[in-house]
């Protein structure tokens, strides 16, 4: 089984951020709490080439926190972790503090 995945072309490997199920004080949160579809970028592909052969890089980099669409992406399991593979243009934006 593969231990590492290197995305091709304009693909981005994202580990989704799961909201906490309880607070620091131990209060359990209901599952209906609104959650933000976000994730951390784990790996990115090299990018695409346009018709003239010019390199078009991927717009995010490893370590970025990104906003993801509600649906889409390809679910991938590596070891015990679940990841999602998205195209660069499917990512809605980056999140900053």
PDB file of N, CA and C in Angstrom:
ATOM      1  N   UNK A   1       0.841  -1.176   0.000  1.00  0.00           N
ATOM      2  CA  UNK A   1       0.000   0.000   0.000  1.00  0.00           C
ATOM      3  C   UNK A   1       0.887   1.242   0.000  1.00  0.00           C
ATOM      4  N   UNK A   2       0.452   2.266  -0.703  1.00  0.00           N
ATOM      5  CA  UNK A   2       1.216   3.512  -0.798  1.00  0.00           C
ATOM      6  C   UNK A   2       1.187   4.270   0.524  1.00  0.00           C
ATOM      7  N   UNK A   3       2.295   4.881   0.848  1.00  0.00           N
ATOM      8  CA  UNK A   3       2.385   5.678   2.069  1.00  0.00           C
ATOM      9  C   UNK A   3       2.351   7.171   1.757  1.00  0.00           C
ATOM     10  N   UNK A   4       2.616   7.533   0.495  1.00  0.00           N
ATOM     11  CA  UNK A   4       2.684   8.935   0.105  1.00  0.00           C
ATOM     12  C   UNK A   4       2.058   9.090  -1.271  1.00  0.00           C
ATOM     13  N   UNK A   5       1.327  10.175  -1.461  1.00  0.00           N
ATOM     14  CA  UNK A   5       0.694  10.453  -2.740  1.00  0.00           C
ATOM     15  C   UNK A   5       1.194  11.797  -3.242  1.00  0.00           C
ATOM     16  N   UNK A   6       1.691  11.827  -4.456  1.00  0.00           N
ATOM     17  CA  UNK A   6       2.109  13.066  -5.103  1.00  0.00           C
ATOM     18  C   UNK A   6       1.089  13.362  -6.196  1.00  0.00           C
ATOM     19  N   UNK A   7       0.290  14.428  -6.042  1.00  0.00           N
ATOM     20  CA  UNK A   7      -0.728  14.742  -7.044  1.00  0.00           C
ATOM     21  C   UNK A   7      -0.098  15.115  -8.390  1.00  0.00           C
ATOM     22  N   UNK A   8      -0.785  14.805  -9.462  1.00  0.00           N
ATOM     23  CA  UNK A   8      -0.332  15.155 -10.798  1.00  0.00           C
ATOM     24  C   UNK A   8      -1.013  16.425 -11.272  1.00  0.00           C
ATOM     25  N   UNK A   9      -0.365  17.112 -12.171  1.00  0.00           N
ATOM     26  CA  UNK A   9      -0.868  18.304 -12.863  1.00  0.00           C
ATOM     27  C   UNK A   9      -1.404  19.347 -11.877  1.00  0.00           C
ATOM     28  N   UNK A  10      -2.678  19.698 -11.978  1.00  0.00           N
ATOM     29  CA  UNK A  10      -3.228  20.762 -11.138  1.00  0.00           C
ATOM     30  C   UNK A  10      -4.044  20.224  -9.968  1.00  0.00           C
ATOM     31  N   UNK A  11      -3.732  19.024  -9.512  1.00  0.00           N
ATOM     32  CA  UNK A  11      -4.475  18.414  -8.402  1.00  0.00           C
ATOM     33  C   UNK A  11      -3.893  18.865  -7.060  1.00  0.00           C
ATOM     34  N   UNK A  12      -4.754  18.914  -6.036  1.00  0.00           N
ATOM     35  CA  UNK A  12      -4.368  19.337  -4.690  1.00  0.00           C
ATOM     36  C   UNK A  12      -4.893  18.299  -3.703  1.00  0.00           C
ATOM     37  N   UNK A  13      -4.019  17.778  -2.851  1.00  0.00           N
ATOM     38  CA  UNK A  13      -4.394  16.804  -1.825  1.00  0.00           C
ATOM     39  C   UNK A  13      -4.680  17.555  -0.534  1.00  0.00           C
ATOM     40  N   UNK A  14      -5.890  17.380   0.008  1.00  0.00           N
ATOM     41  CA  UNK A  14      -6.355  18.147   1.164  1.00  0.00           C
ATOM     42  C   UNK A  14      -6.787  17.198   2.268  1.00  0.00           C
ATOM     43  N   UNK A  15      -6.397  17.528   3.497  1.00  0.00           N
ATOM     44  CA  UNK A  15      -6.905  16.825   4.673  1.00  0.00           C
ATOM     45  C   UNK A  15      -7.960  17.723   5.296  1.00  0.00           C
ATOM     46  N   UNK A  16      -9.218  17.256   5.294  1.00  0.00           N
ATOM     47  CA  UNK A  16     -10.306  18.086   5.817  1.00  0.00           C
ATOM     48  C   UNK A  16     -10.159  18.303   7.313  1.00  0.00           C
ATOM     49  N   UNK A  17     -10.539  19.495   7.752  1.00  0.00           N
ATOM     50  CA  UNK A  17     -10.517  19.838   9.174  1.00  0.00           C
ATOM     51  C   UNK A  17     -11.858  19.406   9.755  1.00  0.00           C
ATOM     52  N   UNK A  18     -11.810  18.552  10.766  1.00  0.00           N
ATOM     53  CA  UNK A  18     -13.043  18.106  11.411  1.00  0.00           C
ATOM     54  C   UNK A  18     -13.292  18.978  12.634  1.00  0.00           C
ATOM     55  N   UNK A  19     -14.510  19.493  12.785  1.00  0.00           N
ATOM     56  CA  UNK A  19     -14.804  20.322  13.948  1.00  0.00           C
ATOM     57  C   UNK A  19     -14.774  19.489  15.223  1.00  0.00           C
ATOM     58  N   UNK A  20     -14.407  20.089  16.331  1.00  0.00           N
ATOM     59  CA  UNK A  20     -14.355  19.324  17.582  1.00  0.00           C
ATOM     60  C   UNK A  20     -15.746  18.844  17.991  1.00  0.00           C
ATOM     61  N   UNK A  21     -15.803  17.665  18.614  1.00  0.00           N
ATOM     62  CA  UNK A  21     -17.090  17.129  19.040  1.00  0.00           C
ATOM     63  C   UNK A  21     -17.437  17.543  20.463  1.00  0.00           C
ATOM     64  N   UNK A  22     -16.451  18.107  21.189  1.00  0.00           N
ATOM     65  CA  UNK A  22     -16.737  18.637  22.514  1.00  0.00           C
ATOM     66  C   UNK A  22     -15.801  19.809  22.814  1.00  0.00           C
ATOM     67  N   UNK A  23     -16.241  20.646  23.740  1.00  0.00           N
ATOM     68  CA  UNK A  23     -15.463  21.827  24.105  1.00  0.00           C
ATOM     69  C   UNK A  23     -14.338  21.445  25.054  1.00  0.00           C
ATOM     70  N   UNK A  24     -13.485  22.405  25.358  1.00  0.00           N
ATOM     71  CA  UNK A  24     -12.375  22.172  26.281  1.00  0.00           C
ATOM     72  C   UNK A  24     -12.891  21.825  27.681  1.00  0.00           C
ATOM     73  N   UNK A  25     -14.087  22.303  28.021  1.00  0.00           N
ATOM     74  CA  UNK A  25     -14.678  22.017  29.325  1.00  0.00           C
ATOM     75  C   UNK A  25     -15.362  20.654  29.367  1.00  0.00           C
ATOM     76  N   UNK A  26     -15.450  19.975  28.206  1.00  0.00           N
ATOM     77  CA  UNK A  26     -16.043  18.646  28.180  1.00  0.00           C
ATOM     78  C   UNK A  26     -17.490  18.607  27.754  1.00  0.00           C
ATOM     79  N   UNK A  27     -18.047  19.745  27.312  1.00  0.00           N
ATOM     80  CA  UNK A  27     -19.443  19.781  26.872  1.00  0.00           C
ATOM     81  C   UNK A  27     -19.520  19.216  25.465  1.00  0.00           C
ATOM     82  N   UNK A  28     -20.378  18.221  25.272  1.00  0.00           N
ATOM     83  CA  UNK A  28     -20.550  17.615  23.955  1.00  0.00           C
ATOM     84  C   UNK A  28     -21.334  18.552  23.050  1.00  0.00           C
ATOM     85  N   UNK A  29     -20.843  18.744  21.833  1.00  0.00           N
ATOM     86  CA  UNK A  29     -21.510  19.606  20.865  1.00  0.00           C
ATOM     87  C   UNK A  29     -22.414  18.759  19.978  1.00  0.00           C
ATOM     88  N   UNK A  30     -23.594  19.282  19.637  1.00  0.00           N
ATOM     89  CA  UNK A  30     -24.486  18.515  18.760  1.00  0.00           C
ATOM     90  C   UNK A  30     -23.899  18.436  17.354  1.00  0.00           C
ATOM     91  N   UNK A  31     -24.301  17.411  16.610  1.00  0.00           N
ATOM     92  CA  UNK A  31     -23.773  17.225  15.263  1.00  0.00           C
ATOM     93  C   UNK A  31     -24.325  18.238  14.277  1.00  0.00           C
ATOM     94  N   UNK A  32     -25.366  18.958  14.666  1.00  0.00           N
ATOM     95  CA  UNK A  32     -25.982  19.922  13.770  1.00  0.00           C
ATOM     96  C   UNK A  32     -25.310  21.291  13.823  1.00  0.00           C
ATOM     97  N   UNK A  33     -24.200  21.412  14.521  1.00  0.00           N
ATOM     98  CA  UNK A  33     -23.511  22.699  14.564  1.00  0.00           C
ATOM     99  C   UNK A  33     -23.018  23.038  13.168  1.00  0.00           C
ATOM    100  N   UNK A  34     -23.139  24.312  12.779  1.00  0.00           N
ATOM    101  CA  UNK A  34     -22.686  24.668  11.434  1.00  0.00           C
ATOM    102  C   UNK A  34     -21.176  24.483  11.322  1.00  0.00           C
ATOM    103  N   UNK A  35     -20.770  23.859  10.226  1.00  0.00           N
ATOM    104  CA  UNK A  35     -19.340  23.642  10.044  1.00  0.00           C
ATOM    105  C   UNK A  35     -18.895  24.280   8.740  1.00  0.00           C
ATOM    106  N   UNK A  36     -17.659  24.671   8.729  1.00  0.00           N
ATOM    107  CA  UNK A  36     -17.073  25.284   7.553  1.00  0.00           C
ATOM    108  C   UNK A  36     -16.316  24.211   6.798  1.00  0.00           C
ATOM    109  N   UNK A  37     -16.587  24.063   5.532  1.00  0.00           N
ATOM    110  CA  UNK A  37     -15.858  23.090   4.725  1.00  0.00           C
ATOM    111  C   UNK A  37     -14.474  23.634   4.446  1.00  0.00           C
ATOM    112  N   UNK A  38     -13.527  23.224   5.254  1.00  0.00           N
ATOM    113  CA  UNK A  38     -12.163  23.701   5.089  1.00  0.00           C
ATOM    114  C   UNK A  38     -11.210  22.544   5.290  1.00  0.00           C
ATOM    115  N   UNK A  39      -9.977  22.765   4.876  1.00  0.00           N
ATOM    116  CA  UNK A  39      -8.984  21.724   5.013  1.00  0.00           C
ATOM    117  C   UNK A  39      -7.587  22.282   4.866  1.00  0.00           C
ATOM    118  N   UNK A  40      -6.613  21.462   5.218  1.00  0.00           N
ATOM    119  CA  UNK A  40      -5.208  21.833   5.088  1.00  0.00           C
ATOM    120  C   UNK A  40      -4.632  21.159   3.851  1.00  0.00           C
ATOM    121  N   UNK A  41      -3.900  21.930   3.060  1.00  0.00           N
ATOM    122  CA  UNK A  41      -3.277  21.395   1.858  1.00  0.00           C
ATOM    123  C   UNK A  41      -2.068  20.564   2.271  1.00  0.00           C
ATOM    124  N   UNK A  42      -2.051  19.305   1.862  1.00  0.00           N
ATOM    125  CA  UNK A  42      -0.975  18.382   2.211  1.00  0.00           C
ATOM    126  C   UNK A  42       0.060  18.301   1.092  1.00  0.00           C
ATOM    127  N   UNK A  43      -0.409  18.284  -0.159  1.00  0.00           N
ATOM    128  CA  UNK A  43       0.495  18.192  -1.301  1.00  0.00           C
ATOM    129  C   UNK A  43      -0.170  18.827  -2.513  1.00  0.00           C
ATOM    130  N   UNK A  44       0.642  19.353  -3.436  1.00  0.00           N
ATOM    131  CA  UNK A  44       0.126  19.954  -4.668  1.00  0.00           C
ATOM    132  C   UNK A  44       0.882  19.399  -5.860  1.00  0.00           C
ATOM    133  N   UNK A  45       0.207  19.393  -6.997  1.00  0.00           N
ATOM    134  CA  UNK A  45       0.842  18.964  -8.242  1.00  0.00           C
ATOM    135  C   UNK A  45       1.690  20.081  -8.824  1.00  0.00           C
ATOM    136  N   UNK A  46       2.338  19.796  -9.928  1.00  0.00           N
ATOM    137  CA  UNK A  46       3.250  20.756 -10.555  1.00  0.00           C
ATOM    138  C   UNK A  46       2.529  21.870 -11.292  1.00  0.00           C
ATOM    139  N   UNK A  47       1.295  21.657 -11.705  1.00  0.00           N
ATOM    140  CA  UNK A  47       0.553  22.671 -12.455  1.00  0.00           C
ATOM    141  C   UNK A  47       0.289  22.195 -13.872  1.00  0.00           C
ATOM    142  N   UNK A  48      -0.269  23.091 -14.677  1.00  0.00           N
ATOM    143  CA  UNK A  48      -0.633  22.778 -16.059  1.00  0.00           C
ATOM    144  C   UNK A  48       0.234  23.543 -17.045  1.00  0.00           C
ATOM    145  N   UNK A  49       0.058  23.259 -18.305  1.00  0.00           N
ATOM    146  CA  UNK A  49       0.697  24.004 -19.395  1.00  0.00           C
ATOM    147  C   UNK A  49      -0.416  24.539 -20.298  1.00  0.00           C
ATOM    148  N   UNK A  50      -0.272  25.788 -20.747  1.00  0.00           N
ATOM    149  CA  UNK A  50      -1.255  26.344 -21.673  1.00  0.00           C
ATOM    150  C   UNK A  50      -0.920  25.921 -23.103  1.00  0.00           C
ATOM    151  N   UNK A  51      -1.664  26.428 -24.083  1.00  0.00           N
ATOM    152  CA  UNK A  51      -1.484  26.010 -25.478  1.00  0.00           C
ATOM    153  C   UNK A  51      -0.096  26.366 -26.024  1.00  0.00           C
ATOM    154  N   UNK A  52       0.495  27.431 -25.488  1.00  0.00           N
ATOM    155  CA  UNK A  52       1.825  27.845 -25.943  1.00  0.00           C
ATOM    156  C   UNK A  52       2.936  27.113 -25.196  1.00  0.00           C
ATOM    157  N   UNK A  53       2.577  26.297 -24.217  1.00  0.00           N
ATOM    158  CA  UNK A  53       3.571  25.555 -23.450  1.00  0.00           C
ATOM    159  C   UNK A  53       4.057  26.259 -22.203  1.00  0.00           C
ATOM    160  N   UNK A  54       3.454  27.404 -21.869  1.00  0.00           N
ATOM    161  CA  UNK A  54       3.839  28.131 -20.657  1.00  0.00           C
ATOM    162  C   UNK A  54       3.285  27.435 -19.428  1.00  0.00           C
ATOM    163  N   UNK A  55       4.065  27.433 -18.364  1.00  0.00           N
ATOM    164  CA  UNK A  55       3.685  26.764 -17.122  1.00  0.00           C
ATOM    165  C   UNK A  55       2.667  27.608 -16.360  1.00  0.00           C
ATOM    166  N   UNK A  56       1.573  26.990 -15.920  1.00  0.00           N
ATOM    167  CA  UNK A  56       0.563  27.636 -15.074  1.00  0.00           C
ATOM    168  C   UNK A  56       0.641  26.946 -13.723  1.00  0.00           C
ATOM    169  N   UNK A  57       1.212  27.599 -12.700  1.00  0.00           N
ATOM    170  CA  UNK A  57       1.368  26.939 -11.406  1.00  0.00           C
ATOM    171  C   UNK A  57       0.041  26.800 -10.661  1.00  0.00           C
ATOM    172  N   UNK A  58       0.022  25.915  -9.692  1.00  0.00           N
ATOM    173  CA  UNK A  58      -1.142  25.740  -8.822  1.00  0.00           C
ATOM    174  C   UNK A  58      -1.222  26.962  -7.901  1.00  0.00           C
ATOM    175  N   UNK A  59      -2.432  27.433  -7.617  1.00  0.00           N
ATOM    176  CA  UNK A  59      -2.602  28.688  -6.876  1.00  0.00           C
ATOM    177  C   UNK A  59      -2.461  28.550  -5.362  1.00  0.00           C
ATOM    178  N   UNK A  60      -2.386  27.337  -4.830  1.00  0.00           N
ATOM    179  CA  UNK A  60      -2.193  27.146  -3.387  1.00  0.00           C
ATOM    180  C   UNK A  60      -0.882  26.404  -3.165  1.00  0.00           C
ATOM    181  N   UNK A  61      -0.402  26.441  -1.918  1.00  0.00           N
ATOM    182  CA  UNK A  61       0.830  25.729  -1.599  1.00  0.00           C
ATOM    183  C   UNK A  61       0.607  24.860  -0.372  1.00  0.00           C
ATOM    184  N   UNK A  62       1.534  23.954  -0.121  1.00  0.00           N
ATOM    185  CA  UNK A  62       1.423  23.064   1.033  1.00  0.00           C
ATOM    186  C   UNK A  62       1.347  23.890   2.310  1.00  0.00           C
ATOM    187  N   UNK A  63       0.460  23.481   3.212  1.00  0.00           N
ATOM    188  CA  UNK A  63       0.298  24.172   4.482  1.00  0.00           C
ATOM    189  C   UNK A  63      -0.813  25.210   4.481  1.00  0.00           C
ATOM    190  N   UNK A  64      -1.325  25.600   3.309  1.00  0.00           N
ATOM    191  CA  UNK A  64      -2.424  26.563   3.247  1.00  0.00           C
ATOM    192  C   UNK A  64      -3.703  25.942   3.800  1.00  0.00           C
ATOM    193  N   UNK A  65      -4.545  26.790   4.402  1.00  0.00           N
ATOM    194  CA  UNK A  65      -5.884  26.376   4.810  1.00  0.00           C
ATOM    195  C   UNK A  65      -6.839  26.886   3.743  1.00  0.00           C
ATOM    196  N   UNK A  66      -7.620  25.987   3.159  1.00  0.00           N
ATOM    197  CA  UNK A  66      -8.451  26.342   2.015  1.00  0.00           C
ATOM    198  C   UNK A  66      -9.924  26.095   2.300  1.00  0.00           C
ATOM    199  N   UNK A  67     -10.769  26.848   1.597  1.00  0.00           N
ATOM    200  CA  UNK A  67     -12.219  26.691   1.648  1.00  0.00           C
ATOM    201  C   UNK A  67     -12.622  25.756   0.516  1.00  0.00           C
ATOM    202  N   UNK A  68     -13.369  24.716   0.850  1.00  0.00           N
ATOM    203  CA  UNK A  68     -13.697  23.663  -0.107  1.00  0.00           C
ATOM    204  C   UNK A  68     -15.173  23.702  -0.474  1.00  0.00           C
ATOM    205  N   UNK A  69     -15.517  23.205  -1.665  1.00  0.00           N
ATOM    206  CA  UNK A  69     -16.935  23.109  -2.020  1.00  0.00           C
ATOM    207  C   UNK A  69     -17.623  22.043  -1.174  1.00  0.00           C
ATOM    208  N   UNK A  70     -18.941  22.171  -1.051  1.00  0.00           N
ATOM    209  CA  UNK A  70     -19.685  21.213  -0.237  1.00  0.00           C
ATOM    210  C   UNK A  70     -19.614  19.808  -0.820  1.00  0.00           C
ATOM    211  N   UNK A  71     -19.648  19.718  -2.136  1.00  0.00           N
ATOM    212  CA  UNK A  71     -19.578  18.423  -2.816  1.00  0.00           C
ATOM    213  C   UNK A  71     -18.397  18.433  -3.759  1.00  0.00           C
ATOM    214  N   UNK A  72     -17.911  17.259  -4.092  1.00  0.00           N
ATOM    215  CA  UNK A  72     -16.829  17.150  -5.061  1.00  0.00           C
ATOM    216  C   UNK A  72     -15.567  16.587  -4.437  1.00  0.00           C
ATOM    217  N   UNK A  73     -14.560  16.465  -5.245  1.00  0.00           N
ATOM    218  CA  UNK A  73     -13.311  15.894  -4.783  1.00  0.00           C
ATOM    219  C   UNK A  73     -13.385  14.371  -4.788  1.00  0.00           C
ATOM    220  N   UNK A  74     -12.226  13.766  -4.761  1.00  0.00           N
ATOM    221  CA  UNK A  74     -12.126  12.315  -4.721  1.00  0.00           C
ATOM    222  C   UNK A  74     -11.586  11.906  -3.370  1.00  0.00           C
ATOM    223  N   UNK A  75     -12.329  11.065  -2.657  1.00  0.00           N
ATOM    224  CA  UNK A  75     -11.896  10.626  -1.329  1.00  0.00           C
ATOM    225  C   UNK A  75     -10.816   9.559  -1.469  1.00  0.00           C
ATOM    226  N   UNK A  76      -9.726   9.738  -0.710  1.00  0.00           N
ATOM    227  CA  UNK A  76      -8.593   8.819  -0.750  1.00  0.00           C
ATOM    228  C   UNK A  76      -8.220   8.471   0.680  1.00  0.00           C
ATOM    229  N   UNK A  77      -7.921   7.203   0.910  1.00  0.00           N
ATOM    230  CA  UNK A  77      -7.488   6.768   2.239  1.00  0.00           C
ATOM    231  C   UNK A  77      -6.049   6.280   2.133  1.00  0.00           C
ATOM    232  N   UNK A  78      -5.146   6.916   2.870  1.00  0.00           N
ATOM    233  CA  UNK A  78      -3.748   6.508   2.933  1.00  0.00           C
ATOM    234  C   UNK A  78      -3.446   6.123   4.367  1.00  0.00           C
ATOM    235  N   UNK A  79      -3.172   4.863   4.595  1.00  0.00           N
ATOM    236  CA  UNK A  79      -2.959   4.407   5.962  1.00  0.00           C
ATOM    237  C   UNK A  79      -4.257   4.529   6.730  1.00  0.00           C
ATOM    238  N   UNK A  80      -4.213   5.250   7.833  1.00  0.00           N
ATOM    239  CA  UNK A  80      -5.412   5.449   8.670  1.00  0.00           C
ATOM    240  C   UNK A  80      -6.083   6.797   8.422  1.00  0.00           C
ATOM    241  N   UNK A  81      -5.497   7.646   7.578  1.00  0.00           N
ATOM    242  CA  UNK A  81      -6.030   9.000   7.364  1.00  0.00           C
ATOM    243  C   UNK A  81      -6.837   9.083   6.086  1.00  0.00           C
ATOM    244  N   UNK A  82      -7.860   9.936   6.125  1.00  0.00           N
ATOM    245  CA  UNK A  82      -8.693  10.203   4.953  1.00  0.00           C
ATOM    246  C   UNK A  82      -8.298  11.545   4.359  1.00  0.00           C
ATOM    247  N   UNK A  83      -8.149  11.570   3.045  1.00  0.00           N
ATOM    248  CA  UNK A  83      -7.805  12.786   2.319  1.00  0.00           C
ATOM    249  C   UNK A  83      -8.796  12.967   1.181  1.00  0.00           C
ATOM    250  N   UNK A  84      -8.777  14.162   0.593  1.00  0.00           N
ATOM    251  CA  UNK A  84      -9.590  14.440  -0.583  1.00  0.00           C
ATOM    252  C   UNK A  84      -8.697  15.066  -1.640  1.00  0.00           C
ATOM    253  N   UNK A  85      -8.911  14.681  -2.885  1.00  0.00           N
ATOM    254  CA  UNK A  85      -8.138  15.193  -4.005  1.00  0.00           C
ATOM    255  C   UNK A  85      -9.044  16.100  -4.825  1.00  0.00           C
ATOM    256  N   UNK A  86      -8.638  17.372  -4.984  1.00  0.00           N
ATOM    257  CA  UNK A  86      -9.414  18.370  -5.717  1.00  0.00           C
ATOM    258  C   UNK A  86      -8.588  18.919  -6.862  1.00  0.00           C
ATOM    259  N   UNK A  87      -9.264  19.419  -7.877  1.00  0.00           N
ATOM    260  CA  UNK A  87      -8.588  20.215  -8.898  1.00  0.00           C
ATOM    261  C   UNK A  87      -8.382  21.610  -8.330  1.00  0.00           C
ATOM    262  N   UNK A  88      -7.348  22.274  -8.797  1.00  0.00           N
ATOM    263  CA  UNK A  88      -7.029  23.611  -8.313  1.00  0.00           C
ATOM    264  C   UNK A  88      -8.204  24.572  -8.501  1.00  0.00           C
ATOM    265  N   UNK A  89      -8.888  24.484  -9.633  1.00  0.00           N
ATOM    266  CA  UNK A  89      -9.990  25.421  -9.893  1.00  0.00           C
ATOM    267  C   UNK A  89     -11.226  25.122  -9.064  1.00  0.00           C
ATOM    268  N   UNK A  90     -11.309  23.948  -8.433  1.00  0.00           N
ATOM    269  CA  UNK A  90     -12.446  23.602  -7.580  1.00  0.00           C
ATOM    270  C   UNK A  90     -12.336  24.199  -6.182  1.00  0.00           C
ATOM    271  N   UNK A  91     -11.144  24.579  -5.767  1.00  0.00           N
ATOM    272  CA  UNK A  91     -10.948  25.168  -4.444  1.00  0.00           C
ATOM    273  C   UNK A  91     -11.476  26.598  -4.459  1.00  0.00           C
ATOM    274  N   UNK A  92     -12.298  26.938  -3.470  1.00  0.00           N
ATOM    275  CA  UNK A  92     -13.002  28.224  -3.469  1.00  0.00           C
ATOM    276  C   UNK A  92     -12.131  29.382  -3.011  1.00  0.00           C
ATOM    277  N   UNK A  93     -11.159  29.150  -2.153  1.00  0.00           N
ATOM    278  CA  UNK A  93     -10.304  30.233  -1.678  1.00  0.00           C
ATOM    279  C   UNK A  93      -9.414  29.745  -0.537  1.00  0.00           C
ATOM    280  N   UNK A  94      -8.568  30.664  -0.068  1.00  0.00           N
ATOM    281  CA  UNK A  94      -7.707  30.352   1.077  1.00  0.00           C
ATOM    282  C   UNK A  94      -8.218  31.112   2.295  1.00  0.00           C
ATOM    283  N   UNK A  95      -8.038  30.518   3.459  1.00  0.00           N
ATOM    284  CA  UNK A  95      -8.467  31.125   4.715  1.00  0.00           C
ATOM    285  C   UNK A  95      -7.244  31.630   5.474  1.00  0.00           C
ATOM    286  N   UNK A  96      -7.339  32.853   6.017  1.00  0.00           N
ATOM    287  CA  UNK A  96      -6.252  33.461   6.770  1.00  0.00           C
ATOM    288  C   UNK A  96      -6.769  33.923   8.124  1.00  0.00           C
ATOM    289  N   UNK A  97      -5.898  33.923   9.136  1.00  0.00           N
ATOM    290  CA  UNK A  97      -6.284  34.400  10.480  1.00  0.00           C
ATOM    291  C   UNK A  97      -6.335  35.916  10.508  1.00  0.00           C
TER     292      UNK A  97
END
